[in-house]
């Protein structure tokens, strides 16, 4: 999964235009785009795709600060850390959910898309 065209051609064209004096804004980095994860109006798919791209460029640690996990009840959550008392559930678990130690992932996380698989693994 990539945030850019595979050959980087479009970025190269824009860089050439900037070098020639074109007044273009600076490129948006994946790291700068992470603030979009705070936007609750984003679709689960868009959130998962941005999360996958961030993981692909090595920003896993930064994702720990953003609500990039979509839950089955439609909420957004920050990823649990290793010492967290809650776990993410791939399937319903009445006991874990009743005890408050399990949060079921949204079905979007279980999709067969490249982005969902990247985030899930």
PDB file of N, CA and C in Angstrom:
ATOM      1  N   UNK A   1       0.844  -1.164   0.000  1.00  0.00           N
ATOM      2  CA  UNK A   1       0.000   0.000   0.000  1.00  0.00           C
ATOM      3  C   UNK A   1       0.892   1.229   0.000  1.00  0.00           C
ATOM      4  N   UNK A   2       0.594   2.158  -0.871  1.00  0.00           N
ATOM      5  CA  UNK A   2       1.429   3.338  -0.994  1.00  0.00           C
ATOM      6  C   UNK A   2       0.578   4.597  -0.968  1.00  0.00           C
ATOM      7  N   UNK A   3       1.155   5.660  -0.482  1.00  0.00           N
ATOM      8  CA  UNK A   3       0.477   6.949  -0.466  1.00  0.00           C
ATOM      9  C   UNK A   3       0.783   7.729  -1.737  1.00  0.00           C
ATOM     10  N   UNK A   4       1.610   7.178  -2.601  1.00  0.00           N
ATOM     11  CA  UNK A   4       2.031   7.886  -3.804  1.00  0.00           C
ATOM     12  C   UNK A   4       1.936   6.981  -5.019  1.00  0.00           C
ATOM     13  N   UNK A   5       2.019   7.614  -6.194  1.00  0.00           N
ATOM     14  CA  UNK A   5       2.035   6.782  -7.394  1.00  0.00           C
ATOM     15  C   UNK A   5       3.317   5.951  -7.378  1.00  0.00           C
ATOM     16  N   UNK A   6       3.247   4.755  -7.934  1.00  0.00           N
ATOM     17  CA  UNK A   6       4.336   3.795  -7.783  1.00  0.00           C
ATOM     18  C   UNK A   6       5.670   4.298  -8.310  1.00  0.00           C
ATOM     19  N   UNK A   7       5.656   5.045  -9.393  1.00  0.00           N
ATOM     20  CA  UNK A   7       6.914   5.530  -9.950  1.00  0.00           C
ATOM     21  C   UNK A   7       7.361   6.866  -9.377  1.00  0.00           C
ATOM     22  N   UNK A   8       6.500   7.504  -8.583  1.00  0.00           N
ATOM     23  CA  UNK A   8       6.840   8.809  -8.026  1.00  0.00           C
ATOM     24  C   UNK A   8       6.845   9.914  -9.071  1.00  0.00           C
ATOM     25  N   UNK A   9       6.259   9.645 -10.207  1.00  0.00           N
ATOM     26  CA  UNK A   9       6.303  10.611 -11.321  1.00  0.00           C
ATOM     27  C   UNK A   9       5.587  11.918 -10.982  1.00  0.00           C
ATOM     28  N   UNK A  10       4.424  11.814 -10.393  1.00  0.00           N
ATOM     29  CA  UNK A  10       3.665  13.024 -10.098  1.00  0.00           C
ATOM     30  C   UNK A  10       4.433  13.922  -9.129  1.00  0.00           C
ATOM     31  N   UNK A  11       5.046  13.337  -8.122  1.00  0.00           N
ATOM     32  CA  UNK A  11       5.859  14.106  -7.171  1.00  0.00           C
ATOM     33  C   UNK A  11       7.026  14.782  -7.901  1.00  0.00           C
ATOM     34  N   UNK A  12       7.645  14.062  -8.829  1.00  0.00           N
ATOM     35  CA  UNK A  12       8.760  14.597  -9.595  1.00  0.00           C
ATOM     36  C   UNK A  12       8.326  15.795 -10.445  1.00  0.00           C
ATOM     37  N   UNK A  13       7.169  15.679 -11.059  1.00  0.00           N
ATOM     38  CA  UNK A  13       6.643  16.786 -11.871  1.00  0.00           C
ATOM     39  C   UNK A  13       6.418  18.015 -10.999  1.00  0.00           C
ATOM     40  N   UNK A  14       5.788  17.828  -9.845  1.00  0.00           N
ATOM     41  CA  UNK A  14       5.542  18.956  -8.949  1.00  0.00           C
ATOM     42  C   UNK A  14       6.848  19.569  -8.448  1.00  0.00           C
ATOM     43  N   UNK A  15       7.839  18.735  -8.155  1.00  0.00           N
ATOM     44  CA  UNK A  15       9.151  19.241  -7.732  1.00  0.00           C
ATOM     45  C   UNK A  15       9.793  20.067  -8.848  1.00  0.00           C
ATOM     46  N   UNK A  16       9.663  19.599 -10.088  1.00  0.00           N
ATOM     47  CA  UNK A  16      10.189  20.366 -11.224  1.00  0.00           C
ATOM     48  C   UNK A  16       9.504  21.727 -11.327  1.00  0.00           C
ATOM     49  N   UNK A  17       8.196  21.742 -11.157  1.00  0.00           N
ATOM     50  CA  UNK A  17       7.469  23.010 -11.213  1.00  0.00           C
ATOM     51  C   UNK A  17       7.910  23.937 -10.095  1.00  0.00           C
ATOM     52  N   UNK A  18       8.105  23.402  -8.891  1.00  0.00           N
ATOM     53  CA  UNK A  18       8.583  24.241  -7.779  1.00  0.00           C
ATOM     54  C   UNK A  18       9.964  24.814  -8.101  1.00  0.00           C
ATOM     55  N   UNK A  19      10.847  23.978  -8.667  1.00  0.00           N
ATOM     56  CA  UNK A  19      12.199  24.425  -9.032  1.00  0.00           C
ATOM     57  C   UNK A  19      12.153  25.536 -10.074  1.00  0.00           C
ATOM     58  N   UNK A  20      11.128  25.501 -10.907  1.00  0.00           N
ATOM     59  CA  UNK A  20      10.985  26.519 -11.958  1.00  0.00           C
ATOM     60  C   UNK A  20      10.287  27.768 -11.434  1.00  0.00           C
ATOM     61  N   UNK A  21       9.959  27.792 -10.149  1.00  0.00           N
ATOM     62  CA  UNK A  21       9.369  28.979  -9.559  1.00  0.00           C
ATOM     63  C   UNK A  21       7.864  28.932  -9.356  1.00  0.00           C
ATOM     64  N   UNK A  22       7.226  27.825  -9.664  1.00  0.00           N
ATOM     65  CA  UNK A  22       5.782  27.727  -9.452  1.00  0.00           C
ATOM     66  C   UNK A  22       5.479  27.816  -7.956  1.00  0.00           C
ATOM     67  N   UNK A  23       4.464  28.567  -7.626  1.00  0.00           N
ATOM     68  CA  UNK A  23       4.069  28.739  -6.235  1.00  0.00           C
ATOM     69  C   UNK A  23       3.103  27.622  -5.852  1.00  0.00           C
ATOM     70  N   UNK A  24       3.672  26.511  -5.482  1.00  0.00           N
ATOM     71  CA  UNK A  24       2.886  25.346  -5.078  1.00  0.00           C
ATOM     72  C   UNK A  24       3.099  25.077  -3.599  1.00  0.00           C
ATOM     73  N   UNK A  25       2.074  24.588  -2.924  1.00  0.00           N
ATOM     74  CA  UNK A  25       2.279  24.243  -1.506  1.00  0.00           C
ATOM     75  C   UNK A  25       3.237  23.064  -1.379  1.00  0.00           C
ATOM     76  N   UNK A  26       3.854  22.959  -0.219  1.00  0.00           N
ATOM     77  CA  UNK A  26       4.739  21.832   0.044  1.00  0.00           C
ATOM     78  C   UNK A  26       3.911  20.546   0.076  1.00  0.00           C
ATOM     79  N   UNK A  27       4.526  19.434  -0.283  1.00  0.00           N
ATOM     80  CA  UNK A  27       3.792  18.160  -0.244  1.00  0.00           C
ATOM     81  C   UNK A  27       3.364  17.818   1.186  1.00  0.00           C
ATOM     82  N   UNK A  28       2.225  17.175   1.297  1.00  0.00           N
ATOM     83  CA  UNK A  28       1.743  16.714   2.604  1.00  0.00           C
ATOM     84  C   UNK A  28       2.371  15.350   2.867  1.00  0.00           C
ATOM     85  N   UNK A  29       3.024  15.224   3.992  1.00  0.00           N
ATOM     86  CA  UNK A  29       3.630  13.943   4.355  1.00  0.00           C
ATOM     87  C   UNK A  29       2.583  13.050   5.016  1.00  0.00           C
ATOM     88  N   UNK A  30       2.851  11.778   5.048  1.00  0.00           N
ATOM     89  CA  UNK A  30       1.950  10.847   5.732  1.00  0.00           C
ATOM     90  C   UNK A  30       1.864  11.230   7.205  1.00  0.00           C
ATOM     91  N   UNK A  31       2.981  11.573   7.795  1.00  0.00           N
ATOM     92  CA  UNK A  31       2.974  11.950   9.212  1.00  0.00           C
ATOM     93  C   UNK A  31       2.076  13.160   9.458  1.00  0.00           C
ATOM     94  N   UNK A  32       2.142  14.155   8.575  1.00  0.00           N
ATOM     95  CA  UNK A  32       1.295  15.340   8.729  1.00  0.00           C
ATOM     96  C   UNK A  32      -0.181  14.989   8.544  1.00  0.00           C
ATOM     97  N   UNK A  33      -0.464  13.995   7.717  1.00  0.00           N
ATOM     98  CA  UNK A  33      -1.846  13.596   7.445  1.00  0.00           C
ATOM     99  C   UNK A  33      -2.477  12.821   8.605  1.00  0.00           C
ATOM    100  N   UNK A  34      -1.682  12.370   9.558  1.00  0.00           N
ATOM    101  CA  UNK A  34      -2.221  11.577  10.666  1.00  0.00           C
ATOM    102  C   UNK A  34      -3.278  12.334  11.467  1.00  0.00           C
ATOM    103  N   UNK A  35      -3.236  13.656  11.484  1.00  0.00           N
ATOM    104  CA  UNK A  35      -4.256  14.420  12.216  1.00  0.00           C
ATOM    105  C   UNK A  35      -5.654  14.147  11.659  1.00  0.00           C
ATOM    106  N   UNK A  36      -5.735  13.693  10.413  1.00  0.00           N
ATOM    107  CA  UNK A  36      -7.033  13.354   9.830  1.00  0.00           C
ATOM    108  C   UNK A  36      -7.703  12.196  10.569  1.00  0.00           C
ATOM    109  N   UNK A  37      -6.916  11.408  11.279  1.00  0.00           N
ATOM    110  CA  UNK A  37      -7.487  10.300  12.046  1.00  0.00           C
ATOM    111  C   UNK A  37      -8.371  10.797  13.190  1.00  0.00           C
ATOM    112  N   UNK A  38      -8.241  12.056  13.575  1.00  0.00           N
ATOM    113  CA  UNK A  38      -9.089  12.641  14.617  1.00  0.00           C
ATOM    114  C   UNK A  38     -10.454  13.060  14.079  1.00  0.00           C
ATOM    115  N   UNK A  39     -10.621  13.056  12.771  1.00  0.00           N
ATOM    116  CA  UNK A  39     -11.860  13.495  12.126  1.00  0.00           C
ATOM    117  C   UNK A  39     -12.887  12.364  12.169  1.00  0.00           C
ATOM    118  N   UNK A  40     -13.890  12.500  13.031  1.00  0.00           N
ATOM    119  CA  UNK A  40     -14.877  11.441  13.193  1.00  0.00           C
ATOM    120  C   UNK A  40     -15.805  11.297  11.995  1.00  0.00           C
ATOM    121  N   UNK A  41     -15.769  12.242  11.058  1.00  0.00           N
ATOM    122  CA  UNK A  41     -16.616  12.128   9.869  1.00  0.00           C
ATOM    123  C   UNK A  41     -15.971  11.252   8.787  1.00  0.00           C
ATOM    124  N   UNK A  42     -14.707  10.883   8.974  1.00  0.00           N
ATOM    125  CA  UNK A  42     -14.047  10.001   7.996  1.00  0.00           C
ATOM    126  C   UNK A  42     -14.673   8.615   8.046  1.00  0.00           C
ATOM    127  N   UNK A  43     -14.770   7.995   6.903  1.00  0.00           N
ATOM    128  CA  UNK A  43     -15.330   6.647   6.854  1.00  0.00           C
ATOM    129  C   UNK A  43     -14.349   5.655   7.476  1.00  0.00           C
ATOM    130  N   UNK A  44     -14.854   4.520   7.951  1.00  0.00           N
ATOM    131  CA  UNK A  44     -13.942   3.502   8.460  1.00  0.00           C
ATOM    132  C   UNK A  44     -12.904   3.090   7.416  1.00  0.00           C
ATOM    133  N   UNK A  45     -13.319   2.959   6.162  1.00  0.00           N
ATOM    134  CA  UNK A  45     -12.382   2.580   5.108  1.00  0.00           C
ATOM    135  C   UNK A  45     -11.265   3.590   4.936  1.00  0.00           C
ATOM    136  N   UNK A  46     -11.602   4.879   4.961  1.00  0.00           N
ATOM    137  CA  UNK A  46     -10.587   5.926   4.822  1.00  0.00           C
ATOM    138  C   UNK A  46      -9.632   5.912   6.006  1.00  0.00           C
ATOM    139  N   UNK A  47     -10.172   5.677   7.185  1.00  0.00           N
ATOM    140  CA  UNK A  47      -9.334   5.609   8.384  1.00  0.00           C
ATOM    141  C   UNK A  47      -8.385   4.424   8.310  1.00  0.00           C
ATOM    142  N   UNK A  48      -8.886   3.290   7.885  1.00  0.00           N
ATOM    143  CA  UNK A  48      -8.054   2.094   7.781  1.00  0.00           C
ATOM    144  C   UNK A  48      -6.992   2.265   6.705  1.00  0.00           C
ATOM    145  N   UNK A  49      -7.336   2.878   5.575  1.00  0.00           N
ATOM    146  CA  UNK A  49      -6.341   3.089   4.511  1.00  0.00           C
ATOM    147  C   UNK A  49      -5.217   4.013   4.977  1.00  0.00           C
ATOM    148  N   UNK A  50      -5.560   5.112   5.655  1.00  0.00           N
ATOM    149  CA  UNK A  50      -4.521   6.023   6.153  1.00  0.00           C
ATOM    150  C   UNK A  50      -3.661   5.313   7.205  1.00  0.00           C
ATOM    151  N   UNK A  51      -4.273   4.525   8.049  1.00  0.00           N
ATOM    152  CA  UNK A  51      -3.521   3.766   9.064  1.00  0.00           C
ATOM    153  C   UNK A  51      -2.553   2.797   8.396  1.00  0.00           C
ATOM    154  N   UNK A  52      -3.009   2.116   7.353  1.00  0.00           N
ATOM    155  CA  UNK A  52      -2.147   1.163   6.639  1.00  0.00           C
ATOM    156  C   UNK A  52      -0.963   1.865   5.993  1.00  0.00           C
ATOM    157  N   UNK A  53      -1.199   3.015   5.391  1.00  0.00           N
ATOM    158  CA  UNK A  53      -0.108   3.767   4.768  1.00  0.00           C
ATOM    159  C   UNK A  53       0.891   4.209   5.833  1.00  0.00           C
ATOM    160  N   UNK A  54       0.377   4.673   6.980  1.00  0.00           N
ATOM    161  CA  UNK A  54       1.259   5.096   8.071  1.00  0.00           C
ATOM    162  C   UNK A  54       2.112   3.932   8.567  1.00  0.00           C
ATOM    163  N   UNK A  55       1.513   2.762   8.687  1.00  0.00           N
ATOM    164  CA  UNK A  55       2.287   1.585   9.088  1.00  0.00           C
ATOM    165  C   UNK A  55       3.354   1.266   8.045  1.00  0.00           C
ATOM    166  N   UNK A  56       3.003   1.430   6.780  1.00  0.00           N
ATOM    167  CA  UNK A  56       3.933   1.131   5.694  1.00  0.00           C
ATOM    168  C   UNK A  56       5.151   2.030   5.649  1.00  0.00           C
ATOM    169  N   UNK A  57       5.023   3.240   6.198  1.00  0.00           N
ATOM    170  CA  UNK A  57       6.176   4.146   6.204  1.00  0.00           C
ATOM    171  C   UNK A  57       6.824   4.229   7.584  1.00  0.00           C
ATOM    172  N   UNK A  58       6.478   3.273   8.451  1.00  0.00           N
ATOM    173  CA  UNK A  58       7.171   3.177   9.737  1.00  0.00           C
ATOM    174  C   UNK A  58       6.667   4.094  10.838  1.00  0.00           C
ATOM    175  N   UNK A  59       5.388   4.462  10.806  1.00  0.00           N
ATOM    176  CA  UNK A  59       4.859   5.380  11.812  1.00  0.00           C
ATOM    177  C   UNK A  59       3.995   4.682  12.873  1.00  0.00           C
ATOM    178  N   UNK A  60       4.257   3.416  13.125  1.00  0.00           N
ATOM    179  CA  UNK A  60       3.457   2.668  14.102  1.00  0.00           C
ATOM    180  C   UNK A  60       3.436   3.351  15.468  1.00  0.00           C
ATOM    181  N   UNK A  61       4.561   3.844  15.920  1.00  0.00           N
ATOM    182  CA  UNK A  61       4.612   4.507  17.227  1.00  0.00           C
ATOM    183  C   UNK A  61       3.748   5.762  17.262  1.00  0.00           C
ATOM    184  N   UNK A  62       3.717   6.504  16.183  1.00  0.00           N
ATOM    185  CA  UNK A  62       2.895   7.720  16.114  1.00  0.00           C
ATOM    186  C   UNK A  62       1.402   7.385  16.132  1.00  0.00           C
ATOM    187  N   UNK A  63       1.038   6.235  15.552  1.00  0.00           N
ATOM    188  CA  UNK A  63      -0.372   5.839  15.516  1.00  0.00           C
ATOM    189  C   UNK A  63      -0.940   5.582  16.901  1.00  0.00           C
ATOM    190  N   UNK A  64      -0.076   5.312  17.873  1.00  0.00           N
ATOM    191  CA  UNK A  64      -0.542   5.051  19.234  1.00  0.00           C
ATOM    192  C   UNK A  64      -1.224   6.259  19.856  1.00  0.00           C
ATOM    193  N   UNK A  65      -1.097   7.415  19.235  1.00  0.00           N
ATOM    194  CA  UNK A  65      -1.694   8.653  19.754  1.00  0.00           C
ATOM    195  C   UNK A  65      -2.993   9.025  19.051  1.00  0.00           C
ATOM    196  N   UNK A  66      -3.390   8.230  18.068  1.00  0.00           N
ATOM    197  CA  UNK A  66      -4.552   8.586  17.262  1.00  0.00           C
ATOM    198  C   UNK A  66      -5.634   7.505  17.310  1.00  0.00           C
ATOM    199  N   UNK A  67      -6.897   7.916  17.273  1.00  0.00           N
ATOM    200  CA  UNK A  67      -7.996   6.946  17.278  1.00  0.00           C
ATOM    201  C   UNK A  67      -8.164   6.303  15.896  1.00  0.00           C
ATOM    202  N   UNK A  68      -7.322   5.329  15.616  1.00  0.00           N
ATOM    203  CA  UNK A  68      -7.298   4.708  14.290  1.00  0.00           C
ATOM    204  C   UNK A  68      -7.875   3.298  14.282  1.00  0.00           C
ATOM    205  N   UNK A  69      -8.425   2.859  15.413  1.00  0.00           N
ATOM    206  CA  UNK A  69      -9.052   1.548  15.505  1.00  0.00           C
ATOM    207  C   UNK A  69     -10.564   1.757  15.482  1.00  0.00           C
ATOM    208  N   UNK A  70     -11.219   1.104  14.535  1.00  0.00           N
ATOM    209  CA  UNK A  70     -12.665   1.208  14.406  1.00  0.00           C
ATOM    210  C   UNK A  70     -13.295   0.032  15.161  1.00  0.00           C
ATOM    211  N   UNK A  71     -14.233   0.335  16.044  1.00  0.00           N
ATOM    212  CA  UNK A  71     -14.857  -0.733  16.829  1.00  0.00           C
ATOM    213  C   UNK A  71     -16.208  -1.119  16.223  1.00  0.00           C
ATOM    214  N   UNK A  72     -16.688  -2.281  16.613  1.00  0.00           N
ATOM    215  CA  UNK A  72     -17.939  -2.812  16.065  1.00  0.00           C
ATOM    216  C   UNK A  72     -19.134  -1.916  16.376  1.00  0.00           C
ATOM    217  N   UNK A  73     -19.059  -1.160  17.461  1.00  0.00           N
ATOM    218  CA  UNK A  73     -20.180  -0.279  17.802  1.00  0.00           C
ATOM    219  C   UNK A  73     -20.067   1.096  17.147  1.00  0.00           C
ATOM    220  N   UNK A  74     -19.091   1.263  16.240  1.00  0.00           N
ATOM    221  CA  UNK A  74     -18.946   2.517  15.504  1.00  0.00           C
ATOM    222  C   UNK A  74     -18.043   3.538  16.166  1.00  0.00           C
ATOM    223  N   UNK A  75     -17.497   3.210  17.312  1.00  0.00           N
ATOM    224  CA  UNK A  75     -16.593   4.136  17.997  1.00  0.00           C
ATOM    225  C   UNK A  75     -15.190   4.038  17.393  1.00  0.00           C
ATOM    226  N   UNK A  76     -14.378   4.983  17.748  1.00  0.00           N
ATOM    227  CA  UNK A  76     -12.970   4.986  17.343  1.00  0.00           C
ATOM    228  C   UNK A  76     -12.146   4.908  18.615  1.00  0.00           C
ATOM    229  N   UNK A  77     -11.058   4.167  18.550  1.00  0.00           N
ATOM    230  CA  UNK A  77     -10.227   3.985  19.741  1.00  0.00           C
ATOM    231  C   UNK A  77      -8.759   4.090  19.370  1.00  0.00           C
ATOM    232  N   UNK A  78      -7.980   4.473  20.352  1.00  0.00           N
ATOM    233  CA  UNK A  78      -6.527   4.478  20.215  1.00  0.00           C
ATOM    234  C   UNK A  78      -6.087   3.018  20.355  1.00  0.00           C
ATOM    235  N   UNK A  79      -5.098   2.583  19.579  1.00  0.00           N
ATOM    236  CA  UNK A  79      -4.657   1.184  19.705  1.00  0.00           C
ATOM    237  C   UNK A  79      -4.188   0.882  21.125  1.00  0.00           C
ATOM    238  N   UNK A  80      -4.559  -0.293  21.639  1.00  0.00           N
ATOM    239  CA  UNK A  80      -4.090  -0.643  22.984  1.00  0.00           C
ATOM    240  C   UNK A  80      -2.581  -0.908  22.970  1.00  0.00           C
ATOM    241  N   UNK A  81      -1.947  -0.599  24.067  1.00  0.00           N
ATOM    242  CA  UNK A  81      -0.516  -0.863  24.199  1.00  0.00           C
ATOM    243  C   UNK A  81      -0.317  -2.253  24.804  1.00  0.00           C
ATOM    244  N   UNK A  82       0.919  -2.691  24.870  1.00  0.00           N
ATOM    245  CA  UNK A  82       1.231  -4.037  25.365  1.00  0.00           C
ATOM    246  C   UNK A  82       0.713  -4.271  26.779  1.00  0.00           C
ATOM    247  N   UNK A  83       0.710  -3.273  27.621  1.00  0.00           N
ATOM    248  CA  UNK A  83       0.274  -3.449  29.005  1.00  0.00           C
ATOM    249  C   UNK A  83      -1.186  -3.109  29.245  1.00  0.00           C
ATOM    250  N   UNK A  84      -1.945  -2.874  28.183  1.00  0.00           N
ATOM    251  CA  UNK A  84      -3.345  -2.476  28.334  1.00  0.00           C
ATOM    252  C   UNK A  84      -4.194  -3.611  28.886  1.00  0.00           C
ATOM    253  N   UNK A  85      -5.247  -3.242  29.582  1.00  0.00           N
ATOM    254  CA  UNK A  85      -6.154  -4.234  30.143  1.00  0.00           C
ATOM    255  C   UNK A  85      -7.241  -4.644  29.156  1.00  0.00           C
ATOM    256  N   UNK A  86      -7.329  -3.959  28.031  1.00  0.00           N
ATOM    257  CA  UNK A  86      -8.300  -4.317  27.011  1.00  0.00           C
ATOM    258  C   UNK A  86      -7.584  -4.917  25.810  1.00  0.00           C
ATOM    259  N   UNK A  87      -8.260  -5.853  25.168  1.00  0.00           N
ATOM    260  CA  UNK A  87      -7.736  -6.472  23.957  1.00  0.00           C
ATOM    261  C   UNK A  87      -8.720  -6.237  22.828  1.00  0.00           C
ATOM    262  N   UNK A  88      -8.227  -6.313  21.603  1.00  0.00           N
ATOM    263  CA  UNK A  88      -9.082  -6.190  20.432  1.00  0.00           C
ATOM    264  C   UNK A  88      -9.560  -7.574  20.036  1.00  0.00           C
ATOM    265  N   UNK A  89     -10.841  -7.695  19.772  1.00  0.00           N
ATOM    266  CA  UNK A  89     -11.446  -8.978  19.449  1.00  0.00           C
ATOM    267  C   UNK A  89     -11.782  -9.053  17.965  1.00  0.00           C
ATOM    268  N   UNK A  90     -11.422 -10.156  17.336  1.00  0.00           N
ATOM    269  CA  UNK A  90     -11.765 -10.373  15.932  1.00  0.00           C
ATOM    270  C   UNK A  90     -13.170 -10.932  15.797  1.00  0.00           C
ATOM    271  N   UNK A  91     -13.653 -11.598  16.821  1.00  0.00           N
ATOM    272  CA  UNK A  91     -14.983 -12.207  16.823  1.00  0.00           C
ATOM    273  C   UNK A  91     -15.668 -11.850  18.140  1.00  0.00           C
ATOM    274  N   UNK A  92     -16.985 -11.909  18.161  1.00  0.00           N
ATOM    275  CA  UNK A  92     -17.687 -11.604  19.408  1.00  0.00           C
ATOM    276  C   UNK A  92     -17.250 -12.532  20.548  1.00  0.00           C
ATOM    277  N   UNK A  93     -17.106 -11.959  21.713  1.00  0.00           N
ATOM    278  CA  UNK A  93     -16.802 -12.723  22.929  1.00  0.00           C
ATOM    279  C   UNK A  93     -17.611 -12.079  24.044  1.00  0.00           C
ATOM    280  N   UNK A  94     -18.770 -12.652  24.300  1.00  0.00           N
ATOM    281  CA  UNK A  94     -19.682 -12.069  25.286  1.00  0.00           C
ATOM    282  C   UNK A  94     -18.999 -11.866  26.639  1.00  0.00           C
ATOM    283  N   UNK A  95     -18.218 -12.845  27.053  1.00  0.00           N
ATOM    284  CA  UNK A  95     -17.569 -12.744  28.358  1.00  0.00           C
ATOM    285  C   UNK A  95     -16.570 -11.588  28.396  1.00  0.00           C
ATOM    286  N   UNK A  96     -15.686 -11.515  27.400  1.00  0.00           N
ATOM    287  CA  UNK A  96     -14.681 -10.440  27.369  1.00  0.00           C
ATOM    288  C   UNK A  96     -15.343  -9.066  27.269  1.00  0.00           C
ATOM    289  N   UNK A  97     -16.394  -8.976  26.462  1.00  0.00           N
ATOM    290  CA  UNK A  97     -17.084  -7.695  26.316  1.00  0.00           C
ATOM    291  C   UNK A  97     -17.839  -7.336  27.592  1.00  0.00           C
ATOM    292  N   UNK A  98     -18.486  -8.314  28.214  1.00  0.00           N
ATOM    293  CA  UNK A  98     -19.226  -8.076  29.457  1.00  0.00           C
ATOM    294  C   UNK A  98     -18.284  -7.630  30.578  1.00  0.00           C
ATOM    295  N   UNK A  99     -17.109  -8.235  30.639  1.00  0.00           N
ATOM    296  CA  UNK A  99     -16.130  -7.875  31.664  1.00  0.00           C
ATOM    297  C   UNK A  99     -15.402  -6.570  31.351  1.00  0.00           C
ATOM    298  N   UNK A 100     -15.598  -6.059  30.149  1.00  0.00           N
ATOM    299  CA  UNK A 100     -14.954  -4.804  29.764  1.00  0.00           C
ATOM    300  C   UNK A 100     -13.492  -4.958  29.395  1.00  0.00           C
ATOM    301  N   UNK A 101     -13.047  -6.181  29.095  1.00  0.00           N
ATOM    302  CA  UNK A 101     -11.645  -6.390  28.740  1.00  0.00           C
ATOM    303  C   UNK A 101     -11.461  -6.631  27.244  1.00  0.00           C
ATOM    304  N   UNK A 102     -12.561  -6.661  26.504  1.00  0.00           N
ATOM    305  CA  UNK A 102     -12.468  -6.892  25.059  1.00  0.00           C
ATOM    306  C   UNK A 102     -13.276  -5.874  24.284  1.00  0.00           C
ATOM    307  N   UNK A 103     -12.713  -5.415  23.199  1.00  0.00           N
ATOM    308  CA  UNK A 103     -13.388  -4.488  22.295  1.00  0.00           C
ATOM    309  C   UNK A 103     -13.382  -5.133  20.915  1.00  0.00           C
ATOM    310  N   UNK A 104     -14.572  -5.354  20.365  1.00  0.00           N
ATOM    311  CA  UNK A 104     -14.674  -6.018  19.068  1.00  0.00           C
ATOM    312  C   UNK A 104     -14.369  -5.029  17.942  1.00  0.00           C
ATOM    313  N   UNK A 105     -13.521  -5.470  17.024  1.00  0.00           N
ATOM    314  CA  UNK A 105     -13.175  -4.654  15.862  1.00  0.00           C
ATOM    315  C   UNK A 105     -14.348  -4.543  14.905  1.00  0.00           C
ATOM    316  N   UNK A 106     -14.416  -3.430  14.192  1.00  0.00           N
ATOM    317  CA  UNK A 106     -15.417  -3.247  13.148  1.00  0.00           C
ATOM    318  C   UNK A 106     -15.145  -4.235  12.025  1.00  0.00           C
ATOM    319  N   UNK A 107     -16.187  -4.627  11.332  1.00  0.00           N
ATOM    320  CA  UNK A 107     -16.056  -5.569  10.216  1.00  0.00           C
ATOM    321  C   UNK A 107     -15.106  -5.046   9.153  1.00  0.00           C
ATOM    322  N   UNK A 108     -14.985  -3.734   9.026  1.00  0.00           N
ATOM    323  CA  UNK A 108     -14.071  -3.137   8.038  1.00  0.00           C
ATOM    324  C   UNK A 108     -12.631  -3.601   8.244  1.00  0.00           C
ATOM    325  N   UNK A 109     -12.251  -3.851   9.488  1.00  0.00           N
ATOM    326  CA  UNK A 109     -10.897  -4.317   9.777  1.00  0.00           C
ATOM    327  C   UNK A 109     -10.667  -5.750   9.297  1.00  0.00           C
ATOM    328  N   UNK A 110     -11.741  -6.484   9.099  1.00  0.00           N
ATOM    329  CA  UNK A 110     -11.637  -7.880   8.705  1.00  0.00           C
ATOM    330  C   UNK A 110     -11.814  -8.077   7.202  1.00  0.00           C
ATOM    331  N   UNK A 111     -11.961  -6.992   6.468  1.00  0.00           N
ATOM    332  CA  UNK A 111     -12.146  -7.071   5.016  1.00  0.00           C
ATOM    333  C   UNK A 111     -10.908  -7.675   4.350  1.00  0.00           C
ATOM    334  N   UNK A 112     -11.084  -8.142   3.144  1.00  0.00           N
ATOM    335  CA  UNK A 112      -9.987  -8.761   2.409  1.00  0.00           C
ATOM    336  C   UNK A 112      -9.178  -7.740   1.610  1.00  0.00           C
ATOM    337  N   UNK A 113      -9.289  -6.472   1.941  1.00  0.00           N
ATOM    338  CA  UNK A 113      -8.525  -5.444   1.242  1.00  0.00           C
ATOM    339  C   UNK A 113      -7.080  -5.429   1.741  1.00  0.00           C
ATOM    340  N   UNK A 114      -6.199  -4.916   0.911  1.00  0.00           N
ATOM    341  CA  UNK A 114      -4.784  -4.810   1.292  1.00  0.00           C
ATOM    342  C   UNK A 114      -4.614  -3.956   2.540  1.00  0.00           C
ATOM    343  N   UNK A 115      -5.356  -2.835   2.602  1.00  0.00           N
ATOM    344  CA  UNK A 115      -5.229  -1.934   3.748  1.00  0.00           C
ATOM    345  C   UNK A 115      -5.674  -2.615   5.032  1.00  0.00           C
ATOM    346  N   UNK A 116      -6.818  -3.281   4.992  1.00  0.00           N
ATOM    347  CA  UNK A 116      -7.321  -3.951   6.196  1.00  0.00           C
ATOM    348  C   UNK A 116      -6.378  -5.049   6.654  1.00  0.00           C
ATOM    349  N   UNK A 117      -5.832  -5.790   5.724  1.00  0.00           N
ATOM    350  CA  UNK A 117      -4.900  -6.867   6.072  1.00  0.00           C
ATOM    351  C   UNK A 117      -3.606  -6.299   6.657  1.00  0.00           C
ATOM    352  N   UNK A 118      -3.149  -5.173   6.126  1.00  0.00           N
ATOM    353  CA  UNK A 118      -1.948  -4.517   6.657  1.00  0.00           C
ATOM    354  C   UNK A 118      -2.161  -4.090   8.095  1.00  0.00           C
ATOM    355  N   UNK A 119      -3.295  -3.489   8.363  1.00  0.00           N
ATOM    356  CA  UNK A 119      -3.588  -2.996   9.708  1.00  0.00           C
ATOM    357  C   UNK A 119      -3.803  -4.169  10.672  1.00  0.00           C
ATOM    358  N   UNK A 120      -4.470  -5.191  10.209  1.00  0.00           N
ATOM    359  CA  UNK A 120      -4.773  -6.334  11.067  1.00  0.00           C
ATOM    360  C   UNK A 120      -3.535  -7.115  11.473  1.00  0.00           C
ATOM    361  N   UNK A 121      -2.578  -7.207  10.578  1.00  0.00           N
ATOM    362  CA  UNK A 121      -1.378  -7.981  10.878  1.00  0.00           C
ATOM    363  C   UNK A 121      -0.332  -7.067  11.451  1.00  0.00           C
TER     364      UNK A 121
END
